[in-house]
């Protein structure tokens, strides 16, 4: 008997990247564990970071310890009270929760709470209005997650103390630039955007 590789992802159809994408999108098998929908105006670096966060694959202190990296202090570098896990850095820490309070207020949304990264990735589904409105909110959620992670890295590697106001200002400015230059929303006005990102919808 001769051994051979068989792709069982799509009813014995030949293997292709398109069939893998379909399996993931349809939520079959391992795809059902992930909820991230990629947003075209959000750069790849952000999407990949959020995807890794959803899989709990960010190199937080606790994840590094699981991989036998010698970490002497596993406490959060921001609050110094809780162990540094993905959900702590992105949601539970006082710095992160204050950022989310300001972002939800800026977007005119109910307060954003999350017990896992998947909770953030479902916020856009609760937004009333058209598809573009939901797409902007979903992108802003991803940019916020990415900005929190970048700020965490700045604290760890560059000794920079986090400032909630600075983080929110960065989220507003980079999301404005990315949305304006990477989508059809090229008529965005900064003075209106800083008041509400959904002003034109």
N, C-alpha and C. Protein backbone atom coordinates (compact mmCIF):
# COMPACT_ATOMS: atom_id res chain seq x y z
N UNK A 1 0.85 -1.18 0.00
CA UNK A 1 0.00 0.00 0.00
C UNK A 1 0.90 1.25 0.00
N UNK A 2 0.54 2.23 -0.81
CA UNK A 2 1.33 3.45 -0.94
C UNK A 2 0.70 4.55 -0.09
N UNK A 3 1.53 5.19 0.73
CA UNK A 3 1.04 6.32 1.53
C UNK A 3 0.83 7.53 0.63
N UNK A 4 -0.18 8.34 0.96
CA UNK A 4 -0.39 9.58 0.22
C UNK A 4 -1.06 10.60 1.10
N UNK A 5 -0.87 11.86 0.75
CA UNK A 5 -1.50 12.96 1.46
C UNK A 5 -2.88 13.20 0.86
N UNK A 6 -3.89 13.40 1.75
CA UNK A 6 -5.26 13.66 1.29
C UNK A 6 -5.80 14.89 2.01
N UNK A 7 -6.35 15.84 1.26
CA UNK A 7 -6.98 17.04 1.84
C UNK A 7 -8.44 16.72 2.12
N UNK A 8 -8.83 16.73 3.41
CA UNK A 8 -10.20 16.37 3.78
C UNK A 8 -11.02 17.60 4.18
N UNK A 9 -10.48 18.75 3.89
CA UNK A 9 -11.16 19.97 4.33
C UNK A 9 -12.45 20.27 3.63
N UNK A 10 -12.59 19.84 2.37
CA UNK A 10 -13.77 20.21 1.60
C UNK A 10 -14.29 19.03 0.78
N UNK A 11 -14.80 18.04 1.45
CA UNK A 11 -15.40 16.87 0.80
C UNK A 11 -14.54 16.26 -0.31
N UNK A 12 -13.30 15.99 0.02
CA UNK A 12 -12.38 15.32 -0.90
C UNK A 12 -12.08 16.09 -2.18
N UNK A 13 -12.33 17.39 -2.20
CA UNK A 13 -11.90 18.20 -3.34
C UNK A 13 -10.40 18.39 -3.25
N UNK A 14 -9.75 18.69 -4.39
CA UNK A 14 -8.29 18.90 -4.36
C UNK A 14 -7.91 20.06 -3.46
N UNK A 15 -6.72 19.96 -2.86
CA UNK A 15 -6.24 21.02 -1.98
C UNK A 15 -5.96 22.28 -2.77
N UNK A 16 -6.36 23.42 -2.20
CA UNK A 16 -6.02 24.74 -2.76
C UNK A 16 -6.11 25.75 -1.63
N UNK A 17 -5.44 26.88 -1.80
CA UNK A 17 -5.53 27.92 -0.76
C UNK A 17 -6.96 28.45 -0.68
N UNK A 18 -7.66 28.45 -1.80
CA UNK A 18 -9.06 28.90 -1.79
C UNK A 18 -9.92 27.97 -0.93
N UNK A 19 -9.65 26.66 -1.01
CA UNK A 19 -10.45 25.73 -0.20
C UNK A 19 -10.14 25.88 1.29
N UNK A 20 -8.87 26.21 1.62
CA UNK A 20 -8.51 26.46 3.01
C UNK A 20 -9.25 27.69 3.52
N UNK A 21 -9.24 28.76 2.71
CA UNK A 21 -9.95 29.98 3.08
C UNK A 21 -11.43 29.71 3.31
N UNK A 22 -12.02 28.89 2.42
CA UNK A 22 -13.45 28.57 2.56
C UNK A 22 -13.72 27.80 3.85
N UNK A 23 -12.84 26.86 4.18
CA UNK A 23 -13.00 26.09 5.41
C UNK A 23 -12.98 27.02 6.62
N UNK A 24 -12.03 27.96 6.63
CA UNK A 24 -11.91 28.90 7.75
C UNK A 24 -13.12 29.82 7.82
N UNK A 25 -13.52 30.37 6.67
CA UNK A 25 -14.65 31.30 6.65
C UNK A 25 -15.96 30.63 7.03
N UNK A 26 -16.12 29.36 6.63
CA UNK A 26 -17.35 28.64 6.94
C UNK A 26 -17.40 28.17 8.38
N UNK A 27 -16.26 28.31 9.08
CA UNK A 27 -16.25 27.91 10.48
C UNK A 27 -16.19 26.41 10.67
N UNK A 28 -15.67 25.72 9.70
CA UNK A 28 -15.54 24.27 9.83
C UNK A 28 -14.27 23.95 10.60
N UNK A 29 -14.33 22.96 11.42
CA UNK A 29 -13.15 22.46 12.12
C UNK A 29 -12.52 23.55 12.97
N UNK A 30 -11.21 23.76 12.84
CA UNK A 30 -10.51 24.73 13.66
C UNK A 30 -10.93 26.15 13.36
N UNK A 31 -11.50 26.40 12.18
CA UNK A 31 -11.90 27.76 11.84
C UNK A 31 -12.99 28.29 12.74
N UNK A 32 -13.79 27.40 13.31
CA UNK A 32 -14.90 27.84 14.14
C UNK A 32 -14.41 28.48 15.44
N UNK A 33 -13.14 28.29 15.77
CA UNK A 33 -12.60 28.86 17.00
C UNK A 33 -12.26 30.33 16.87
N UNK A 34 -12.18 30.84 15.64
CA UNK A 34 -11.72 32.20 15.42
C UNK A 34 -12.83 33.06 14.84
N UNK A 35 -12.90 34.31 15.31
CA UNK A 35 -13.97 35.19 14.87
C UNK A 35 -13.47 36.44 14.15
N UNK A 36 -12.16 36.65 14.11
CA UNK A 36 -11.61 37.87 13.51
C UNK A 36 -12.00 37.99 12.05
N UNK A 37 -12.59 39.15 11.71
CA UNK A 37 -12.83 39.51 10.32
C UNK A 37 -11.84 40.61 9.98
N UNK A 38 -11.05 40.40 8.95
CA UNK A 38 -10.04 41.37 8.58
C UNK A 38 -10.70 42.55 7.90
N UNK A 39 -10.16 43.74 8.14
CA UNK A 39 -10.71 44.99 7.60
C UNK A 39 -9.69 45.57 6.63
N UNK A 40 -10.15 45.89 5.43
CA UNK A 40 -9.22 46.28 4.35
C UNK A 40 -8.42 47.54 4.66
N UNK A 41 -8.99 48.49 5.41
CA UNK A 41 -8.25 49.73 5.65
C UNK A 41 -7.27 49.63 6.82
N UNK A 42 -7.33 48.55 7.55
CA UNK A 42 -6.40 48.33 8.66
C UNK A 42 -5.16 47.62 8.12
N UNK A 43 -3.97 48.17 8.35
CA UNK A 43 -2.74 47.56 7.83
C UNK A 43 -2.53 46.13 8.33
N UNK A 44 -1.80 45.39 7.53
CA UNK A 44 -1.54 43.98 7.82
C UNK A 44 -0.90 43.78 9.19
N UNK A 45 0.02 44.68 9.58
CA UNK A 45 0.71 44.52 10.87
C UNK A 45 -0.29 44.52 12.03
N UNK A 46 -1.34 45.33 11.92
CA UNK A 46 -2.37 45.36 12.98
C UNK A 46 -3.20 44.08 12.95
N UNK A 47 -3.61 43.68 11.75
CA UNK A 47 -4.45 42.50 11.62
C UNK A 47 -3.74 41.26 12.16
N UNK A 48 -2.46 41.13 11.84
CA UNK A 48 -1.70 39.97 12.31
C UNK A 48 -1.56 39.99 13.82
N UNK A 49 -1.30 41.18 14.39
CA UNK A 49 -1.18 41.27 15.85
C UNK A 49 -2.51 40.87 16.53
N UNK A 50 -3.64 41.34 16.00
CA UNK A 50 -4.95 41.02 16.58
C UNK A 50 -5.24 39.53 16.42
N UNK A 51 -4.89 38.98 15.29
CA UNK A 51 -5.07 37.55 15.05
C UNK A 51 -4.26 36.74 16.06
N UNK A 52 -3.03 37.15 16.31
CA UNK A 52 -2.20 36.47 17.31
C UNK A 52 -2.79 36.62 18.70
N UNK A 53 -3.34 37.80 18.99
CA UNK A 53 -3.97 38.02 20.30
C UNK A 53 -5.17 37.09 20.48
N UNK A 54 -5.96 36.94 19.42
CA UNK A 54 -7.13 36.06 19.52
C UNK A 54 -6.71 34.62 19.79
N UNK A 55 -5.57 34.21 19.25
CA UNK A 55 -5.07 32.85 19.48
C UNK A 55 -4.28 32.75 20.79
N UNK A 56 -4.17 33.87 21.52
CA UNK A 56 -3.38 33.93 22.75
C UNK A 56 -1.91 33.59 22.48
N UNK A 57 -1.39 34.14 21.39
CA UNK A 57 -0.02 33.87 20.99
C UNK A 57 0.89 35.10 21.09
N UNK A 58 0.42 36.16 21.74
CA UNK A 58 1.29 37.32 21.96
C UNK A 58 2.32 36.96 23.04
N UNK A 59 3.54 37.45 22.90
CA UNK A 59 4.59 37.12 23.88
C UNK A 59 4.49 37.94 25.17
N UNK A 60 3.38 37.77 25.87
CA UNK A 60 3.25 38.41 27.17
C UNK A 60 4.16 37.66 28.15
N UNK A 61 4.35 38.22 29.32
CA UNK A 61 5.24 37.59 30.30
C UNK A 61 4.77 36.18 30.65
N UNK A 62 3.45 36.01 30.84
CA UNK A 62 2.94 34.69 31.22
C UNK A 62 3.07 33.68 30.08
N UNK A 63 2.90 34.14 28.84
CA UNK A 63 3.07 33.22 27.71
C UNK A 63 4.53 32.82 27.56
N UNK A 64 5.44 33.75 27.83
CA UNK A 64 6.86 33.44 27.75
C UNK A 64 7.26 32.42 28.82
N UNK A 65 6.68 32.57 30.00
CA UNK A 65 6.95 31.61 31.09
C UNK A 65 6.49 30.21 30.67
N UNK A 66 5.33 30.13 30.01
CA UNK A 66 4.84 28.83 29.53
C UNK A 66 5.81 28.19 28.54
N UNK A 67 6.57 29.03 27.87
CA UNK A 67 7.54 28.53 26.88
C UNK A 67 8.94 28.40 27.48
N UNK A 68 8.99 28.35 28.82
CA UNK A 68 10.23 28.14 29.56
C UNK A 68 11.25 29.26 29.40
N UNK A 69 10.76 30.47 29.17
CA UNK A 69 11.64 31.64 29.18
C UNK A 69 11.74 32.12 30.62
N UNK A 70 12.94 32.37 31.06
CA UNK A 70 13.16 32.77 32.46
C UNK A 70 12.76 34.23 32.67
N UNK A 71 11.59 34.43 33.26
CA UNK A 71 11.07 35.77 33.56
C UNK A 71 11.03 35.90 35.07
N UNK A 72 11.78 36.86 35.61
CA UNK A 72 11.84 37.00 37.07
C UNK A 72 10.60 37.69 37.64
N UNK A 73 10.02 38.60 36.87
CA UNK A 73 8.84 39.32 37.35
C UNK A 73 7.74 39.21 36.29
N UNK A 74 6.67 38.52 36.62
CA UNK A 74 5.59 38.31 35.65
C UNK A 74 4.45 39.31 35.81
N UNK A 75 4.62 40.30 36.69
CA UNK A 75 3.56 41.29 36.90
C UNK A 75 3.51 42.28 35.75
N UNK A 76 2.32 42.82 35.54
CA UNK A 76 2.09 43.82 34.50
C UNK A 76 3.02 45.01 34.70
N UNK A 77 3.64 45.45 33.63
CA UNK A 77 4.57 46.58 33.70
C UNK A 77 3.85 47.91 33.90
N UNK A 78 2.54 47.93 33.69
CA UNK A 78 1.78 49.16 33.86
C UNK A 78 1.26 49.31 35.29
N UNK A 79 0.56 48.28 35.78
CA UNK A 79 -0.08 48.41 37.10
C UNK A 79 0.70 47.73 38.21
N UNK A 80 1.55 46.77 37.86
CA UNK A 80 2.38 46.04 38.83
C UNK A 80 1.54 45.30 39.88
N UNK A 81 0.29 44.94 39.51
CA UNK A 81 -0.60 44.24 40.44
C UNK A 81 -0.97 42.84 39.97
N UNK A 82 -1.18 42.68 38.67
CA UNK A 82 -1.66 41.40 38.13
C UNK A 82 -0.62 40.82 37.18
N UNK A 83 -0.70 39.51 37.02
CA UNK A 83 0.20 38.87 36.07
C UNK A 83 -0.14 39.33 34.66
N UNK A 84 0.93 39.49 33.85
CA UNK A 84 0.74 40.02 32.50
C UNK A 84 0.30 38.92 31.54
N UNK A 85 -0.99 38.91 31.24
CA UNK A 85 -1.56 38.02 30.24
C UNK A 85 -2.07 38.88 29.09
N UNK A 86 -2.45 38.24 28.01
CA UNK A 86 -2.97 38.99 26.86
C UNK A 86 -4.20 39.79 27.25
N UNK A 87 -5.15 39.17 27.91
CA UNK A 87 -6.39 39.88 28.23
C UNK A 87 -6.16 40.95 29.28
N UNK A 88 -5.17 40.77 30.15
CA UNK A 88 -4.89 41.82 31.12
C UNK A 88 -4.37 43.07 30.43
N UNK A 89 -3.38 42.89 29.54
CA UNK A 89 -2.79 44.04 28.84
C UNK A 89 -3.82 44.74 27.96
N UNK A 90 -4.66 43.96 27.28
CA UNK A 90 -5.57 44.54 26.29
C UNK A 90 -6.93 44.95 26.85
N UNK A 91 -7.25 44.53 28.08
CA UNK A 91 -8.59 44.84 28.59
C UNK A 91 -8.64 45.16 30.07
N UNK A 92 -8.01 44.34 30.91
CA UNK A 92 -8.24 44.41 32.35
C UNK A 92 -7.43 45.47 33.09
N UNK A 93 -6.22 45.75 32.61
CA UNK A 93 -5.37 46.73 33.30
C UNK A 93 -6.06 48.09 33.32
N UNK A 94 -5.81 48.86 34.35
CA UNK A 94 -6.45 50.18 34.49
C UNK A 94 -6.14 51.08 33.30
N UNK A 95 -4.94 50.97 32.73
CA UNK A 95 -4.59 51.76 31.55
C UNK A 95 -5.49 51.36 30.39
N UNK A 96 -5.58 50.06 30.12
CA UNK A 96 -6.40 49.57 29.00
C UNK A 96 -7.87 49.91 29.20
N UNK A 97 -8.39 49.71 30.40
CA UNK A 97 -9.82 49.98 30.62
C UNK A 97 -10.15 51.45 30.45
N UNK A 98 -9.23 52.33 30.85
CA UNK A 98 -9.45 53.77 30.64
C UNK A 98 -9.41 54.14 29.16
N UNK A 99 -8.53 53.49 28.41
CA UNK A 99 -8.49 53.72 26.96
C UNK A 99 -9.81 53.28 26.34
N UNK A 100 -10.31 52.10 26.71
CA UNK A 100 -11.57 51.62 26.14
C UNK A 100 -12.74 52.53 26.51
N UNK A 101 -12.74 53.08 27.72
CA UNK A 101 -13.79 54.01 28.11
C UNK A 101 -13.82 55.21 27.18
N UNK A 102 -12.63 55.74 26.87
CA UNK A 102 -12.56 56.93 26.01
C UNK A 102 -12.90 56.61 24.56
N UNK A 103 -12.48 55.44 24.09
CA UNK A 103 -12.78 55.05 22.71
C UNK A 103 -14.27 54.81 22.53
N UNK A 104 -14.90 54.11 23.48
CA UNK A 104 -16.34 53.85 23.36
C UNK A 104 -17.12 55.15 23.41
N UNK A 105 -16.70 56.08 24.25
CA UNK A 105 -17.36 57.38 24.33
C UNK A 105 -17.19 58.15 23.03
N UNK A 106 -15.97 58.14 22.49
CA UNK A 106 -15.68 58.84 21.23
C UNK A 106 -16.52 58.29 20.07
N UNK A 107 -16.72 56.97 20.06
CA UNK A 107 -17.49 56.33 18.98
C UNK A 107 -19.00 56.38 19.23
N UNK A 108 -19.41 56.84 20.42
CA UNK A 108 -20.83 56.87 20.75
C UNK A 108 -21.39 55.48 21.01
N UNK A 109 -20.56 54.59 21.54
CA UNK A 109 -20.97 53.22 21.82
C UNK A 109 -21.20 53.02 23.31
N UNK A 110 -21.91 51.94 23.63
CA UNK A 110 -22.02 51.54 25.03
C UNK A 110 -20.62 51.18 25.52
N UNK A 111 -20.39 51.24 26.83
CA UNK A 111 -19.06 50.87 27.35
C UNK A 111 -18.64 49.50 26.85
N UNK A 112 -17.36 49.40 26.49
CA UNK A 112 -16.81 48.16 25.93
C UNK A 112 -16.13 47.36 27.03
N UNK A 113 -16.63 46.15 27.27
CA UNK A 113 -16.03 45.25 28.25
C UNK A 113 -15.68 43.95 27.53
N UNK A 114 -14.63 43.31 27.96
CA UNK A 114 -14.23 42.05 27.34
C UNK A 114 -13.62 41.12 28.36
N UNK A 115 -13.98 39.84 28.28
CA UNK A 115 -13.39 38.81 29.11
C UNK A 115 -12.36 38.00 28.31
N UNK A 116 -12.42 38.16 26.98
CA UNK A 116 -11.45 37.55 26.08
C UNK A 116 -11.39 38.40 24.82
N UNK A 117 -10.36 38.21 24.02
CA UNK A 117 -10.17 39.03 22.82
C UNK A 117 -11.35 38.90 21.87
N UNK A 118 -11.95 37.72 21.80
CA UNK A 118 -13.11 37.50 20.93
C UNK A 118 -14.23 38.50 21.22
N UNK A 119 -14.37 38.91 22.49
CA UNK A 119 -15.43 39.85 22.85
C UNK A 119 -15.22 41.19 22.13
N UNK A 120 -13.97 41.63 22.03
CA UNK A 120 -13.69 42.87 21.30
C UNK A 120 -14.06 42.73 19.83
N UNK A 121 -13.77 41.56 19.27
CA UNK A 121 -13.95 41.35 17.84
C UNK A 121 -15.41 41.19 17.44
N UNK A 122 -16.30 41.14 18.43
CA UNK A 122 -17.73 41.07 18.13
C UNK A 122 -18.45 42.37 18.38
N UNK A 123 -17.75 43.40 18.85
CA UNK A 123 -18.40 44.68 19.18
C UNK A 123 -19.09 45.29 17.96
N UNK A 124 -18.45 45.19 16.79
CA UNK A 124 -19.02 45.83 15.60
C UNK A 124 -20.41 45.28 15.26
N UNK A 125 -20.71 44.06 15.66
CA UNK A 125 -22.01 43.46 15.36
C UNK A 125 -23.14 44.15 16.11
N UNK A 126 -22.82 44.85 17.18
CA UNK A 126 -23.85 45.52 17.98
C UNK A 126 -24.10 46.95 17.49
N UNK A 127 -23.32 47.40 16.52
CA UNK A 127 -23.43 48.78 16.03
C UNK A 127 -24.62 48.90 15.09
N UNK A 128 -25.47 49.88 15.37
CA UNK A 128 -26.63 50.11 14.52
C UNK A 128 -26.20 50.93 13.31
N UNK A 129 -26.80 50.62 12.17
CA UNK A 129 -26.47 51.37 10.97
C UNK A 129 -25.99 50.47 9.85
N UNK A 130 -25.40 51.08 8.84
CA UNK A 130 -25.01 50.33 7.65
C UNK A 130 -23.68 49.60 7.82
N UNK A 131 -23.30 48.90 6.76
CA UNK A 131 -22.10 48.06 6.77
C UNK A 131 -20.83 48.90 6.98
N UNK A 132 -20.78 50.10 6.36
CA UNK A 132 -19.60 50.94 6.48
C UNK A 132 -19.40 51.40 7.92
N UNK A 133 -20.48 51.70 8.59
CA UNK A 133 -20.42 52.11 10.00
C UNK A 133 -19.80 50.99 10.86
N UNK A 134 -20.27 49.77 10.63
CA UNK A 134 -19.74 48.63 11.39
C UNK A 134 -18.28 48.37 11.03
N UNK A 135 -17.94 48.56 9.77
CA UNK A 135 -16.56 48.32 9.32
C UNK A 135 -15.60 49.32 9.97
N UNK A 136 -16.04 50.57 10.10
CA UNK A 136 -15.19 51.58 10.74
C UNK A 136 -14.99 51.24 12.21
N UNK A 137 -16.07 50.88 12.90
CA UNK A 137 -15.96 50.53 14.33
C UNK A 137 -15.06 49.30 14.51
N UNK A 138 -15.24 48.30 13.65
CA UNK A 138 -14.41 47.10 13.76
C UNK A 138 -12.94 47.44 13.56
N UNK A 139 -12.66 48.29 12.58
CA UNK A 139 -11.28 48.73 12.35
C UNK A 139 -10.73 49.49 13.54
N UNK A 140 -11.54 50.35 14.14
CA UNK A 140 -11.09 51.12 15.31
C UNK A 140 -10.78 50.20 16.49
N UNK A 141 -11.56 49.15 16.66
CA UNK A 141 -11.30 48.17 17.72
C UNK A 141 -9.92 47.53 17.49
N UNK A 142 -9.65 47.16 16.24
CA UNK A 142 -8.37 46.52 15.91
C UNK A 142 -7.20 47.49 16.13
N UNK A 143 -7.39 48.74 15.71
CA UNK A 143 -6.33 49.74 15.90
C UNK A 143 -6.08 49.99 17.38
N UNK A 144 -7.14 49.98 18.18
CA UNK A 144 -6.99 50.18 19.63
C UNK A 144 -6.22 49.02 20.26
N UNK A 145 -6.55 47.81 19.89
CA UNK A 145 -5.82 46.64 20.40
C UNK A 145 -4.34 46.74 20.03
N UNK A 146 -4.08 47.08 18.78
CA UNK A 146 -2.70 47.21 18.30
C UNK A 146 -1.95 48.31 19.05
N UNK A 147 -2.62 49.45 19.26
CA UNK A 147 -1.99 50.57 19.96
C UNK A 147 -1.66 50.23 21.41
N UNK A 148 -2.54 49.49 22.06
CA UNK A 148 -2.25 49.06 23.43
C UNK A 148 -1.03 48.16 23.46
N UNK A 149 -0.93 47.25 22.50
CA UNK A 149 0.21 46.34 22.47
C UNK A 149 1.51 47.10 22.17
N UNK A 150 1.46 48.04 21.25
CA UNK A 150 2.65 48.85 20.93
C UNK A 150 3.08 49.65 22.16
N UNK A 151 2.11 50.19 22.89
CA UNK A 151 2.42 50.96 24.10
C UNK A 151 3.05 50.05 25.16
N UNK A 152 2.51 48.84 25.28
CA UNK A 152 3.09 47.88 26.23
C UNK A 152 4.54 47.61 25.87
N UNK A 153 4.83 47.41 24.59
CA UNK A 153 6.20 47.16 24.15
C UNK A 153 7.11 48.36 24.40
N UNK A 154 6.57 49.55 24.22
CA UNK A 154 7.35 50.77 24.51
C UNK A 154 7.71 50.84 25.99
N UNK A 155 6.80 50.40 26.84
CA UNK A 155 7.06 50.39 28.28
C UNK A 155 8.15 49.36 28.62
N UNK A 156 8.02 48.17 28.07
CA UNK A 156 8.97 47.09 28.38
C UNK A 156 10.36 47.38 27.83
N UNK A 157 10.42 47.78 26.57
CA UNK A 157 11.72 47.87 25.89
C UNK A 157 12.36 49.26 25.91
N UNK A 158 11.52 50.30 26.07
CA UNK A 158 12.06 51.66 26.05
C UNK A 158 11.85 52.42 27.35
N UNK A 159 11.19 51.77 28.33
CA UNK A 159 10.99 52.41 29.62
C UNK A 159 10.00 53.57 29.61
N UNK A 160 9.16 53.66 28.57
CA UNK A 160 8.20 54.77 28.47
C UNK A 160 6.97 54.49 29.33
N UNK A 161 6.60 55.45 30.15
CA UNK A 161 5.40 55.29 30.97
C UNK A 161 4.16 55.54 30.11
N UNK A 162 3.14 54.71 30.26
CA UNK A 162 1.93 54.88 29.44
C UNK A 162 1.11 56.07 29.90
N UNK A 163 0.51 56.75 28.93
CA UNK A 163 -0.38 57.87 29.21
C UNK A 163 -1.65 57.64 28.41
N UNK A 164 -2.78 57.52 29.09
CA UNK A 164 -4.05 57.21 28.43
C UNK A 164 -4.37 58.23 27.35
N UNK A 165 -4.19 59.51 27.66
CA UNK A 165 -4.49 60.56 26.68
C UNK A 165 -3.65 60.43 25.43
N UNK A 166 -2.37 60.10 25.59
CA UNK A 166 -1.48 59.93 24.44
C UNK A 166 -1.88 58.71 23.60
N UNK A 167 -2.27 57.63 24.27
CA UNK A 167 -2.69 56.43 23.54
C UNK A 167 -3.93 56.72 22.71
N UNK A 168 -4.92 57.38 23.32
CA UNK A 168 -6.16 57.70 22.60
C UNK A 168 -5.89 58.66 21.44
N UNK A 169 -5.04 59.65 21.67
CA UNK A 169 -4.69 60.60 20.60
C UNK A 169 -4.04 59.87 19.43
N UNK A 170 -3.17 58.91 19.74
CA UNK A 170 -2.50 58.14 18.69
C UNK A 170 -3.52 57.30 17.92
N UNK A 171 -4.45 56.68 18.63
CA UNK A 171 -5.49 55.88 17.98
C UNK A 171 -6.30 56.74 17.01
N UNK A 172 -6.68 57.93 17.46
CA UNK A 172 -7.46 58.83 16.61
C UNK A 172 -6.68 59.25 15.37
N UNK A 173 -5.41 59.60 15.56
CA UNK A 173 -4.63 60.12 14.43
C UNK A 173 -4.28 59.03 13.42
N UNK A 174 -3.80 57.88 13.89
CA UNK A 174 -3.41 56.87 12.90
C UNK A 174 -4.62 56.24 12.22
N UNK A 175 -5.73 56.09 12.95
CA UNK A 175 -6.93 55.53 12.31
C UNK A 175 -7.47 56.51 11.27
N UNK A 176 -7.38 57.81 11.55
CA UNK A 176 -7.80 58.83 10.58
C UNK A 176 -6.96 58.71 9.31
N UNK A 177 -5.64 58.65 9.46
CA UNK A 177 -4.75 58.58 8.30
C UNK A 177 -4.96 57.29 7.51
N UNK A 178 -5.08 56.17 8.22
CA UNK A 178 -5.25 54.90 7.53
C UNK A 178 -6.60 54.82 6.81
N UNK A 179 -7.67 55.25 7.47
CA UNK A 179 -8.99 55.20 6.84
C UNK A 179 -9.06 56.14 5.64
N UNK A 180 -8.50 57.32 5.79
CA UNK A 180 -8.54 58.32 4.72
C UNK A 180 -7.74 57.87 3.50
N UNK A 181 -6.60 57.21 3.73
CA UNK A 181 -5.71 56.85 2.63
C UNK A 181 -5.83 55.41 2.14
N UNK A 182 -6.55 54.58 2.89
CA UNK A 182 -6.62 53.16 2.51
C UNK A 182 -8.06 52.72 2.23
N UNK A 183 -8.98 53.68 2.07
CA UNK A 183 -10.37 53.35 1.79
C UNK A 183 -10.97 54.42 0.89
N UNK A 184 -12.27 54.31 0.66
CA UNK A 184 -12.97 55.31 -0.16
C UNK A 184 -13.36 56.55 0.64
N UNK A 185 -13.03 56.57 1.92
CA UNK A 185 -13.40 57.71 2.78
C UNK A 185 -12.35 58.81 2.69
N UNK A 186 -12.00 59.22 1.48
CA UNK A 186 -10.93 60.21 1.33
C UNK A 186 -11.37 61.65 1.59
N UNK A 187 -12.63 61.84 1.90
CA UNK A 187 -13.12 63.19 2.22
C UNK A 187 -13.25 63.43 3.71
N UNK A 188 -12.66 62.56 4.49
CA UNK A 188 -12.70 62.72 5.94
C UNK A 188 -12.09 64.06 6.34
N UNK A 189 -12.68 64.69 7.31
CA UNK A 189 -12.15 65.96 7.84
C UNK A 189 -11.70 65.73 9.28
N UNK A 190 -10.48 66.11 9.57
CA UNK A 190 -9.89 65.87 10.89
C UNK A 190 -10.70 66.51 12.01
N UNK A 191 -11.14 67.75 11.82
CA UNK A 191 -11.86 68.45 12.90
C UNK A 191 -13.17 67.77 13.24
N UNK A 192 -13.78 67.09 12.27
CA UNK A 192 -15.01 66.34 12.55
C UNK A 192 -14.68 64.95 13.11
N UNK A 193 -13.64 64.34 12.58
CA UNK A 193 -13.22 63.00 13.02
C UNK A 193 -12.91 62.97 14.51
N UNK A 194 -12.20 63.97 15.01
CA UNK A 194 -11.81 63.95 16.42
C UNK A 194 -13.02 64.08 17.34
N UNK A 195 -14.11 64.63 16.82
CA UNK A 195 -15.34 64.70 17.63
C UNK A 195 -16.09 63.38 17.62
N UNK A 196 -16.18 62.77 16.42
CA UNK A 196 -16.84 61.46 16.29
C UNK A 196 -16.41 60.80 14.99
N UNK A 197 -15.91 59.56 15.05
CA UNK A 197 -15.45 58.90 13.84
C UNK A 197 -16.58 58.49 12.89
N UNK A 198 -17.81 58.59 13.37
CA UNK A 198 -18.94 58.17 12.55
C UNK A 198 -19.77 59.39 12.10
N UNK A 199 -19.16 60.56 12.13
CA UNK A 199 -19.90 61.79 11.85
C UNK A 199 -20.48 61.82 10.44
N UNK A 200 -19.84 61.16 9.48
CA UNK A 200 -20.26 61.27 8.10
C UNK A 200 -21.27 60.21 7.70
N UNK A 201 -21.64 59.34 8.65
CA UNK A 201 -22.56 58.23 8.32
C UNK A 201 -23.93 58.42 8.96
